[in-house]
Amino acid sequence: MVDISTAMDKFLKCVRSLAPNARIVTASQYSPYRTRSKLSRNYGHAMALLPAILAERTSHVVVDRVDLSPPQLEKLVPGTLRSISISGYKGRQCHVELIQRHAPWVERLELVNFTVHSITKLTWGNTTTTTRLYPRLKKLRIASVVGFRKTKMRQPTIDPFPALQVFDCQTIFPFTSPVVLDGGQSHLRVLKLRMDVDLFGMMERNGLLRKSAFQQLEVISLGWVERTSVGRQEFSERMLLKSFEIGVHTQVVYANKLSIPNFDTVLPQVHFASTLRVLDFKEAALTAVQAVTLLSGFPRLRDAKLSLCETRGVRPKRMPTAEEVAQFHKQFIDCQSSVAFLDIHKTDYANSRRAGEYIVMVADVLPSVVCVRICCSTNTRSSRVRRGVKYALQRNIYKNKRVHDIHFVDED
């Protein structure tokens, strides 16, 4: 065995000389061949040096699968860190204390694989009736939460994040109280939520899904928690409609894995916001008619990400006839779409040739499109669909049409 202490001290000196003003420090446990127990001695000594590696100007710390100890925590001087990212170990006590100690200064916080209890504990004040505030926190990301919300669990009494602009919760929402979202109505600019039936109901009861509820909202994404299947189809249509309504100045909308089989009945109810610039519908497949109808409804839409599919119950392998193409063009002869950039992420047709044909049909009736990007699941799939587009453009029905001026490209 080598002298671990001497080796680590030499390593530390190298780090200090190479990066005396390190602003970002990442500590991660990586052991592909040995178990953690066999490396505990070496690992423990290495992590004891973490505070010493931090320079005076360090402002961003990433802790990945690292279990901090109280002595290490004491050496991390409050007030220096502006960004903290922690993943793994489900939010141990020292991880919670690290974040709480820097609450007055931290501006960006990322929590991955925390427990529901640990996240709510971050907002606990010194007494049972007070809330710990994060006055400078602008971005909060939560992912892979472990556990479930409990109504009896202590909740913040006031908004703990009064300056929050980006709230990205791609997992179960950890709070049983709506206070975080309620306070965010005045300052949130980006809201990405994974919903469940209880959260949807709580937001409705508290007026958080009413029209223009969020005054500063620019980006909205409402989807379903992966573990939730109950009520998904029942609430998906309502959730989609709310996505277009709850923001005053919404510019980007994501339709995140929503199940909407009756889209034709939902479409007339859509609020076509004049501020919308980007529409991401790649997780909600639409027919060609539905896609064009939706895109042409937004007066200032610039970018659209779509998935195209056949009409339900139809699965022909043949190419659209000249009469079908002409009828489609006639249906949208007065289309006023403003979309310039169109991304096709998925195609659900009997073959790639037919998929390419329908992409050309859609692009042909959208008067403002300048570029169509094929972004299928694999490069091979994208290339096949791209060849289908090429074959479609050679048909006489598209001769001398504006569609030949559009750039059709594969994903970079």
Protein backbone atom coordinates (compact mmCIF):
# COMPACT_ATOMS: atom_id res chain seq x y z
CA MET A 1 0.00 0.00 0.00
CA VAL A 2 1.29 3.46 -0.85
CA ASP A 3 1.13 6.28 1.66
CA ILE A 4 -2.28 7.66 0.75
CA SER A 5 -1.87 10.74 2.90
CA THR A 6 1.41 11.77 1.23
CA ALA A 7 0.02 11.07 -2.25
CA MET A 8 -3.10 13.14 -1.63
CA ASP A 9 -1.13 16.03 -0.16
CA LYS A 10 1.02 16.11 -3.30
CA PHE A 11 -2.11 16.01 -5.43
CA LEU A 12 -3.59 18.90 -3.46
CA LYS A 13 -0.51 21.03 -4.05
CA CYS A 14 -0.80 20.34 -7.78
CA VAL A 15 -4.44 21.37 -7.77
CA ARG A 16 -3.67 24.60 -5.94
CA SER A 17 -0.87 25.50 -8.36
CA LEU A 18 -2.85 24.62 -11.48
CA ALA A 19 -6.13 26.23 -10.41
CA PRO A 20 -5.47 28.85 -7.71
CA ASN A 21 -8.69 30.70 -8.61
CA ALA A 22 -10.96 27.74 -9.32
CA ARG A 23 -14.55 28.91 -9.59
CA ILE A 24 -16.11 25.47 -10.17
CA VAL A 25 -15.15 22.38 -8.16
CA THR A 26 -16.68 18.94 -8.74
CA ALA A 27 -16.32 16.13 -6.21
CA SER A 28 -17.47 12.72 -7.46
CA GLN A 29 -16.99 9.15 -6.27
CA TYR A 30 -16.10 6.89 -9.19
CA SER A 31 -15.30 3.21 -8.67
CA PRO A 32 -15.95 0.94 -11.66
CA TYR A 33 -14.08 -2.09 -10.35
CA ARG A 34 -14.20 -2.01 -6.56
CA THR A 35 -16.93 -1.70 -3.98
CA ARG A 36 -17.13 1.41 -1.86
CA SER A 37 -16.20 -0.50 1.31
CA LYS A 38 -12.79 -1.48 -0.12
CA LEU A 39 -12.05 2.13 -0.97
CA SER A 40 -13.51 3.74 2.13
CA ARG A 41 -10.14 4.61 3.67
CA ASN A 42 -8.71 6.21 0.52
CA TYR A 43 -12.02 7.84 -0.34
CA GLY A 44 -12.47 9.28 3.13
CA HIS A 45 -9.05 10.91 3.10
CA ALA A 46 -9.61 12.33 -0.37
CA MET A 47 -12.95 13.87 0.60
CA ALA A 48 -11.42 15.36 3.75
CA LEU A 49 -9.34 17.51 1.40
CA LEU A 50 -12.37 18.87 -0.45
CA PRO A 51 -12.64 22.11 1.57
CA ALA A 52 -8.92 22.73 1.10
CA ILE A 53 -9.25 22.39 -2.69
CA LEU A 54 -11.82 25.17 -2.78
CA ALA A 55 -10.23 28.48 -3.65
CA GLU A 56 -11.36 31.79 -2.18
CA ARG A 57 -13.11 32.61 -5.44
CA THR A 58 -14.91 29.26 -5.77
CA SER A 59 -18.58 29.95 -6.35
CA HIS A 60 -19.93 26.65 -7.75
CA VAL A 61 -19.65 23.24 -6.09
CA VAL A 62 -20.89 19.96 -7.57
CA VAL A 63 -21.17 17.03 -5.14
CA ASP A 64 -21.93 13.74 -6.90
CA ARG A 65 -22.39 10.62 -4.73
CA VAL A 66 -20.19 12.13 -2.03
CA ASP A 67 -21.15 11.85 1.65
CA LEU A 68 -19.89 14.98 3.40
CA SER A 69 -18.89 14.79 7.06
CA PRO A 70 -19.43 17.45 9.80
CA PRO A 71 -15.69 18.41 9.90
CA GLN A 72 -15.71 19.03 6.15
CA LEU A 73 -18.91 21.03 6.45
CA GLU A 74 -17.37 23.30 9.08
CA LYS A 75 -14.52 24.23 6.72
CA LEU A 76 -16.87 25.37 3.94
CA VAL A 77 -17.21 29.03 4.85
CA PRO A 78 -20.77 30.40 4.34
CA GLY A 79 -21.11 33.23 1.87
CA THR A 80 -18.70 31.95 -0.77
CA LEU A 81 -20.90 29.61 -2.77
CA ARG A 82 -23.38 30.92 -5.34
CA SER A 83 -24.21 27.60 -7.01
CA ILE A 84 -24.64 24.16 -5.43
CA SER A 85 -25.39 20.88 -7.24
CA ILE A 86 -25.85 17.72 -5.19
CA SER A 87 -26.78 14.26 -6.44
CA GLY A 88 -26.86 10.86 -4.76
CA TYR A 89 -27.13 9.66 -1.15
CA LYS A 90 -30.74 10.89 -1.04
CA GLY A 91 -29.95 14.14 0.75
CA ARG A 92 -27.99 13.24 3.86
CA GLN A 93 -28.08 15.59 6.85
CA CYS A 94 -24.75 17.23 5.97
CA HIS A 95 -25.98 17.92 2.43
CA VAL A 96 -29.05 19.63 3.85
CA GLU A 97 -26.95 21.65 6.29
CA LEU A 98 -24.54 22.69 3.52
CA ILE A 99 -27.42 24.17 1.53
CA GLN A 100 -29.09 25.75 4.57
CA ARG A 101 -25.85 27.48 5.63
CA HIS A 102 -25.56 29.11 2.22
CA ALA A 103 -29.26 29.96 1.92
CA PRO A 104 -28.76 33.76 2.05
CA TRP A 105 -26.25 33.71 -0.84
CA VAL A 106 -26.96 30.75 -3.15
CA GLU A 107 -28.37 31.70 -6.57
CA ARG A 108 -28.56 28.29 -8.26
CA LEU A 109 -29.52 24.99 -6.66
CA GLU A 110 -29.73 21.52 -8.21
CA LEU A 111 -31.03 18.54 -6.21
CA VAL A 112 -30.92 15.04 -7.71
CA ASN A 113 -31.95 11.84 -5.92
CA PHE A 114 -33.09 13.61 -2.76
CA THR A 115 -35.92 12.41 -0.54
CA VAL A 116 -39.15 14.37 -0.25
CA HIS A 117 -38.39 14.87 3.44
CA SER A 118 -34.92 16.33 2.73
CA ILE A 119 -36.28 18.86 0.24
CA THR A 120 -39.02 20.11 2.55
CA LYS A 121 -36.47 20.24 5.38
CA LEU A 122 -34.43 22.74 3.35
CA THR A 123 -37.22 25.27 3.90
CA TRP A 124 -37.55 24.77 7.66
CA GLY A 125 -36.75 27.77 9.82
CA ASN A 126 -35.34 27.76 13.33
CA THR A 127 -38.83 27.31 14.78
CA THR A 128 -41.80 25.22 13.65
CA THR A 129 -43.64 28.34 12.49
CA THR A 130 -40.88 29.98 10.46
CA THR A 131 -39.59 29.42 6.93
CA ARG A 132 -35.97 29.54 5.82
CA LEU A 133 -35.64 32.03 2.97
CA TYR A 134 -33.41 31.85 -0.10
CA PRO A 135 -33.54 35.53 -1.07
CA ARG A 136 -31.12 35.28 -4.04
CA LEU A 137 -32.09 31.89 -5.46
CA LYS A 138 -32.94 32.31 -9.14
CA LYS A 139 -32.84 28.74 -10.46
CA LEU A 140 -34.05 25.57 -8.73
CA ARG A 141 -33.88 22.16 -10.42
CA ILE A 142 -35.23 19.00 -8.76
CA ALA A 143 -34.97 15.52 -10.29
CA SER A 144 -35.39 11.89 -9.23
CA VAL A 145 -37.11 12.54 -5.92
CA VAL A 146 -37.47 9.50 -3.64
CA GLY A 147 -40.65 9.06 -1.60
CA PHE A 148 -44.11 10.60 -1.58
CA ARG A 149 -45.71 13.82 -0.36
CA LYS A 150 -47.18 13.59 3.15
CA THR A 151 -49.87 15.98 4.32
CA LYS A 152 -48.59 15.90 7.91
CA MET A 153 -45.05 16.87 6.92
CA ARG A 154 -44.00 20.37 7.95
CA GLN A 155 -44.37 22.81 5.04
CA PRO A 156 -43.10 26.34 4.39
CA THR A 157 -45.52 29.00 5.67
CA ILE A 158 -44.40 31.66 3.18
CA ASP A 159 -42.70 31.54 -0.21
CA PRO A 160 -39.10 30.41 0.54
CA PHE A 161 -37.86 31.44 -2.92
CA PRO A 162 -39.01 35.07 -3.45
CA ALA A 163 -36.55 35.74 -6.30
CA LEU A 164 -36.95 32.41 -8.13
CA GLN A 165 -37.11 32.73 -11.91
CA VAL A 166 -36.61 29.12 -13.06
CA PHE A 167 -38.37 26.23 -11.33
CA ASP A 168 -37.64 22.89 -13.05
CA CYS A 169 -39.20 19.96 -11.19
CA GLN A 170 -38.88 16.90 -13.43
CA THR A 171 -40.10 14.50 -10.75
CA ILE A 172 -42.78 14.32 -8.09
CA PHE A 173 -43.56 17.76 -6.67
CA PRO A 174 -42.28 17.53 -3.04
CA PHE A 175 -44.54 20.09 -1.30
CA THR A 176 -48.10 19.42 -0.14
CA SER A 177 -48.58 23.16 0.28
CA PRO A 178 -49.03 25.35 -2.83
CA VAL A 179 -47.11 28.24 -1.25
CA VAL A 180 -44.05 27.84 -3.55
CA LEU A 181 -46.17 28.03 -6.71
CA ASP A 182 -48.53 30.58 -5.25
CA GLY A 183 -45.68 32.97 -4.53
CA GLY A 184 -44.16 32.22 -7.92
CA GLN A 185 -47.10 33.78 -9.75
CA SER A 186 -45.38 37.16 -9.55
CA HIS A 187 -41.78 36.21 -10.41
CA LEU A 188 -41.46 32.82 -12.17
CA ARG A 189 -40.28 33.04 -15.79
CA VAL A 190 -39.74 29.32 -16.44
CA LEU A 191 -42.02 26.64 -14.96
CA LYS A 192 -41.48 22.95 -15.74
CA LEU A 193 -43.61 20.57 -13.67
CA ARG A 194 -44.25 16.85 -13.64
CA MET A 195 -47.86 16.61 -12.56
CA ASP A 196 -49.97 14.01 -10.78
CA VAL A 197 -53.70 14.04 -10.13
CA ASP A 198 -53.36 15.43 -6.58
CA LEU A 199 -51.05 18.26 -7.67
CA PHE A 200 -53.34 19.15 -10.57
CA GLY A 201 -56.29 19.34 -8.18
CA MET A 202 -54.34 21.43 -5.66
CA MET A 203 -53.33 23.92 -8.35
CA GLU A 204 -56.90 24.19 -9.63
CA ARG A 205 -58.31 24.76 -6.12
CA ASN A 206 -55.80 27.53 -5.47
CA GLY A 207 -56.33 29.32 -8.78
CA LEU A 208 -52.88 28.46 -10.11
CA LEU A 209 -54.26 27.16 -13.41
CA ARG A 210 -56.57 30.05 -14.17
CA LYS A 211 -55.98 32.22 -17.22
CA SER A 212 -53.00 34.62 -16.81
CA ALA A 213 -52.23 33.30 -13.31
CA PHE A 214 -48.45 33.76 -13.77
CA GLN A 215 -47.57 37.34 -14.62
CA GLN A 216 -43.95 36.86 -15.78
CA LEU A 217 -44.09 33.34 -17.21
CA GLU A 218 -42.26 32.87 -20.52
CA VAL A 219 -41.62 29.10 -20.66
CA ILE A 220 -44.14 26.48 -19.54
CA SER A 221 -43.92 22.68 -19.54
CA LEU A 222 -46.58 20.55 -17.87
CA GLY A 223 -46.18 16.77 -18.03
CA TRP A 224 -46.89 13.67 -15.99
CA VAL A 225 -44.74 12.01 -13.34
CA GLU A 226 -43.39 8.81 -14.90
CA ARG A 227 -44.73 6.61 -12.12
CA THR A 228 -48.24 8.02 -12.58
CA SER A 229 -50.68 6.41 -15.00
CA VAL A 230 -53.98 7.03 -13.20
CA GLY A 231 -55.86 9.93 -14.77
CA ARG A 232 -53.22 10.64 -17.40
CA GLN A 233 -55.57 10.62 -20.38
CA GLU A 234 -58.40 12.21 -18.40
CA PHE A 235 -56.32 15.21 -17.36
CA SER A 236 -53.96 15.51 -20.36
CA GLU A 237 -56.41 17.51 -22.46
CA ARG A 238 -57.08 19.96 -19.64
CA MET A 239 -53.38 20.23 -18.89
CA LEU A 240 -52.57 21.04 -22.50
CA LEU A 241 -55.18 23.81 -22.61
CA LYS A 242 -53.86 25.26 -19.33
CA SER A 243 -50.33 25.33 -20.77
CA PHE A 244 -51.44 27.94 -23.31
CA GLU A 245 -53.42 30.02 -20.81
CA ILE A 246 -51.73 30.37 -17.41
CA GLY A 247 -48.99 32.76 -18.58
CA VAL A 248 -49.51 36.37 -19.62
CA HIS A 249 -46.46 36.53 -21.88
CA THR A 250 -45.76 32.85 -22.62
CA GLN A 251 -43.21 32.43 -25.40
CA VAL A 252 -42.36 28.70 -25.21
CA VAL A 253 -44.75 25.79 -24.55
CA TYR A 254 -43.74 22.14 -24.16
CA ALA A 255 -46.40 19.43 -24.48
CA ASN A 256 -44.58 16.88 -22.35
CA LYS A 257 -45.73 13.28 -22.96
CA LEU A 258 -49.42 14.10 -22.89
CA SER A 259 -51.93 11.51 -24.06
CA ILE A 260 -54.49 13.31 -26.25
CA PRO A 261 -56.34 10.83 -28.48
CA ASN A 262 -59.20 13.26 -29.15
CA PHE A 263 -57.09 16.18 -30.28
CA ASP A 264 -59.66 17.31 -32.88
CA THR A 265 -62.13 18.12 -30.08
CA VAL A 266 -59.44 19.90 -28.05
CA LEU A 267 -58.07 22.06 -30.89
CA PRO A 268 -61.04 24.51 -31.03
CA GLN A 269 -60.52 25.24 -27.31
CA VAL A 270 -56.84 26.16 -27.61
CA HIS A 271 -55.91 29.73 -26.62
CA PHE A 272 -53.71 30.87 -29.52
CA ALA A 273 -51.45 33.26 -27.61
CA SER A 274 -50.02 36.07 -29.73
CA THR A 275 -46.76 35.99 -27.71
CA LEU A 276 -45.91 32.34 -28.44
CA ARG A 277 -42.64 31.90 -30.37
CA VAL A 278 -41.68 28.25 -29.80
CA LEU A 279 -43.99 25.22 -29.65
CA ASP A 280 -42.56 21.84 -28.66
CA PHE A 281 -45.04 19.09 -29.55
CA LYS A 282 -42.54 16.32 -30.23
CA GLU A 283 -43.98 14.20 -27.40
CA ALA A 284 -47.58 14.47 -28.64
CA ALA A 285 -48.04 12.97 -32.11
CA LEU A 286 -50.33 14.81 -34.56
CA THR A 287 -51.72 14.02 -37.98
CA ALA A 288 -50.70 16.29 -40.86
CA VAL A 289 -54.07 18.08 -40.76
CA GLN A 290 -53.90 18.59 -37.00
CA ALA A 291 -50.32 19.85 -37.19
CA VAL A 292 -51.01 22.49 -39.86
CA THR A 293 -54.21 23.61 -38.15
CA LEU A 294 -52.38 24.06 -34.84
CA LEU A 295 -49.36 25.86 -36.29
CA SER A 296 -51.45 28.28 -38.33
CA GLY A 297 -53.41 29.33 -35.24
CA PHE A 298 -50.51 31.17 -33.57
CA PRO A 299 -49.90 34.52 -35.31
CA ARG A 300 -46.21 34.94 -34.33
CA LEU A 301 -44.94 31.37 -33.91
CA ARG A 302 -41.36 30.96 -35.18
CA ASP A 303 -40.13 27.46 -34.22
CA ALA A 304 -42.13 24.23 -34.01
CA LYS A 305 -41.05 20.74 -32.98
CA LEU A 306 -43.48 18.03 -34.08
CA SER A 307 -44.15 14.32 -34.28
CA LEU A 308 -46.32 13.25 -37.21
CA CYS A 309 -48.52 10.18 -37.44
CA GLU A 310 -51.33 8.60 -39.44
CA THR A 311 -54.98 9.12 -38.63
CA ARG A 312 -55.98 6.68 -35.90
CA GLY A 313 -56.92 3.27 -37.29
CA VAL A 314 -55.27 3.93 -40.68
CA ARG A 315 -52.02 2.24 -41.72
CA PRO A 316 -51.60 2.24 -45.55
CA LYS A 317 -48.22 1.59 -47.14
CA ARG A 318 -48.89 3.33 -50.46
CA MET A 319 -47.91 6.91 -51.21
CA PRO A 320 -50.55 9.70 -51.11
CA THR A 321 -52.16 10.04 -54.52
CA ALA A 322 -51.95 13.26 -56.54
CA GLU A 323 -55.62 13.87 -55.75
CA GLU A 324 -54.99 13.51 -52.00
CA VAL A 325 -52.06 15.93 -52.15
CA ALA A 326 -54.11 18.45 -54.14
CA GLN A 327 -57.01 18.16 -51.67
CA PHE A 328 -54.66 18.73 -48.74
CA HIS A 329 -53.22 21.82 -50.42
CA LYS A 330 -56.72 23.12 -51.19
CA GLN A 331 -57.76 22.66 -47.56
CA PHE A 332 -54.98 25.00 -46.43
CA ILE A 333 -54.81 27.33 -49.44
CA ASP A 334 -55.28 30.36 -47.18
CA CYS A 335 -52.87 29.22 -44.45
CA GLN A 336 -51.29 32.20 -42.65
CA SER A 337 -48.67 30.37 -40.59
CA SER A 338 -45.58 32.32 -39.48
CA VAL A 339 -43.44 29.25 -38.66
CA ALA A 340 -39.97 29.51 -40.16
CA PHE A 341 -38.20 26.50 -38.62
CA LEU A 342 -39.79 23.08 -38.35
CA ASP A 343 -38.25 20.09 -36.56
CA ILE A 344 -39.72 16.62 -37.13
CA HIS A 345 -38.69 14.37 -34.23
CA LYS A 346 -40.83 11.28 -34.76
CA THR A 347 -42.83 9.79 -37.61
CA ASP A 348 -45.36 7.01 -37.19
CA TYR A 349 -46.11 5.75 -40.70
CA ALA A 350 -45.96 2.33 -42.35
CA ASN A 351 -42.63 3.18 -43.99
CA SER A 352 -40.06 5.97 -44.31
CA ARG A 353 -41.13 6.83 -47.87
CA ARG A 354 -44.67 7.65 -46.74
CA ALA A 355 -43.30 9.61 -43.77
CA GLY A 356 -41.21 11.74 -46.15
CA GLU A 357 -44.25 12.38 -48.33
CA TYR A 358 -46.29 13.75 -45.45
CA ILE A 359 -43.45 15.94 -44.24
CA VAL A 360 -43.31 17.52 -47.69
CA MET A 361 -47.10 17.95 -47.71
CA VAL A 362 -47.00 19.81 -44.40
CA ALA A 363 -44.06 22.00 -45.40
CA ASP A 364 -45.66 22.81 -48.75
CA VAL A 365 -48.74 24.47 -47.22
CA LEU A 366 -46.86 26.46 -44.55
CA PRO A 367 -45.94 29.63 -46.46
CA SER A 368 -43.21 30.88 -44.10
CA VAL A 369 -41.15 27.70 -43.56
CA VAL A 370 -37.51 28.05 -44.64
CA CYS A 371 -35.96 24.98 -43.00
CA VAL A 372 -37.19 21.52 -42.01
CA ARG A 373 -34.91 19.40 -39.85
CA ILE A 374 -35.38 15.62 -39.60
CA CYS A 375 -34.52 14.62 -36.02
CA CYS A 376 -35.68 11.01 -35.64
CA SER A 377 -34.56 8.66 -32.88
CA THR A 378 -31.50 7.44 -34.80
CA ASN A 379 -29.32 8.80 -37.59
CA THR A 380 -30.28 5.81 -39.73
CA ARG A 381 -33.96 6.52 -39.29
CA SER A 382 -33.43 10.22 -40.06
CA SER A 383 -31.53 9.36 -43.25
CA ARG A 384 -34.30 7.05 -44.43
CA VAL A 385 -36.99 9.66 -43.86
CA ARG A 386 -34.79 12.25 -45.55
CA ARG A 387 -34.60 9.99 -48.62
CA GLY A 388 -38.39 9.75 -48.50
CA VAL A 389 -38.51 13.55 -48.66
CA LYS A 390 -36.17 13.52 -51.65
CA TYR A 391 -38.37 11.04 -53.53
CA ALA A 392 -41.49 13.10 -52.76
CA LEU A 393 -39.94 16.28 -54.16
CA GLN A 394 -39.37 14.53 -57.50
CA ARG A 395 -43.11 14.03 -58.04
CA ASN A 396 -44.81 16.17 -60.68
CA ILE A 397 -47.37 17.37 -58.15
CA TYR A 398 -44.61 19.49 -56.53
CA LYS A 399 -43.07 20.76 -59.76
CA ASN A 400 -42.40 24.53 -59.63
CA LYS A 401 -43.74 24.71 -56.06
CA ARG A 402 -42.20 26.89 -53.34
CA VAL A 403 -41.41 23.72 -51.36
CA HIS A 404 -38.23 23.32 -53.44
CA ASP A 405 -36.86 26.48 -51.81
CA ILE A 406 -37.08 24.91 -48.34
CA HIS A 407 -33.95 23.34 -46.83
CA PHE A 408 -34.59 19.76 -45.69
CA VAL A 409 -31.70 18.64 -43.48
CA ASP A 410 -30.85 15.73 -41.19
CA GLU A 411 -30.08 16.26 -37.53
CA ASP A 412 -26.53 17.50 -36.95
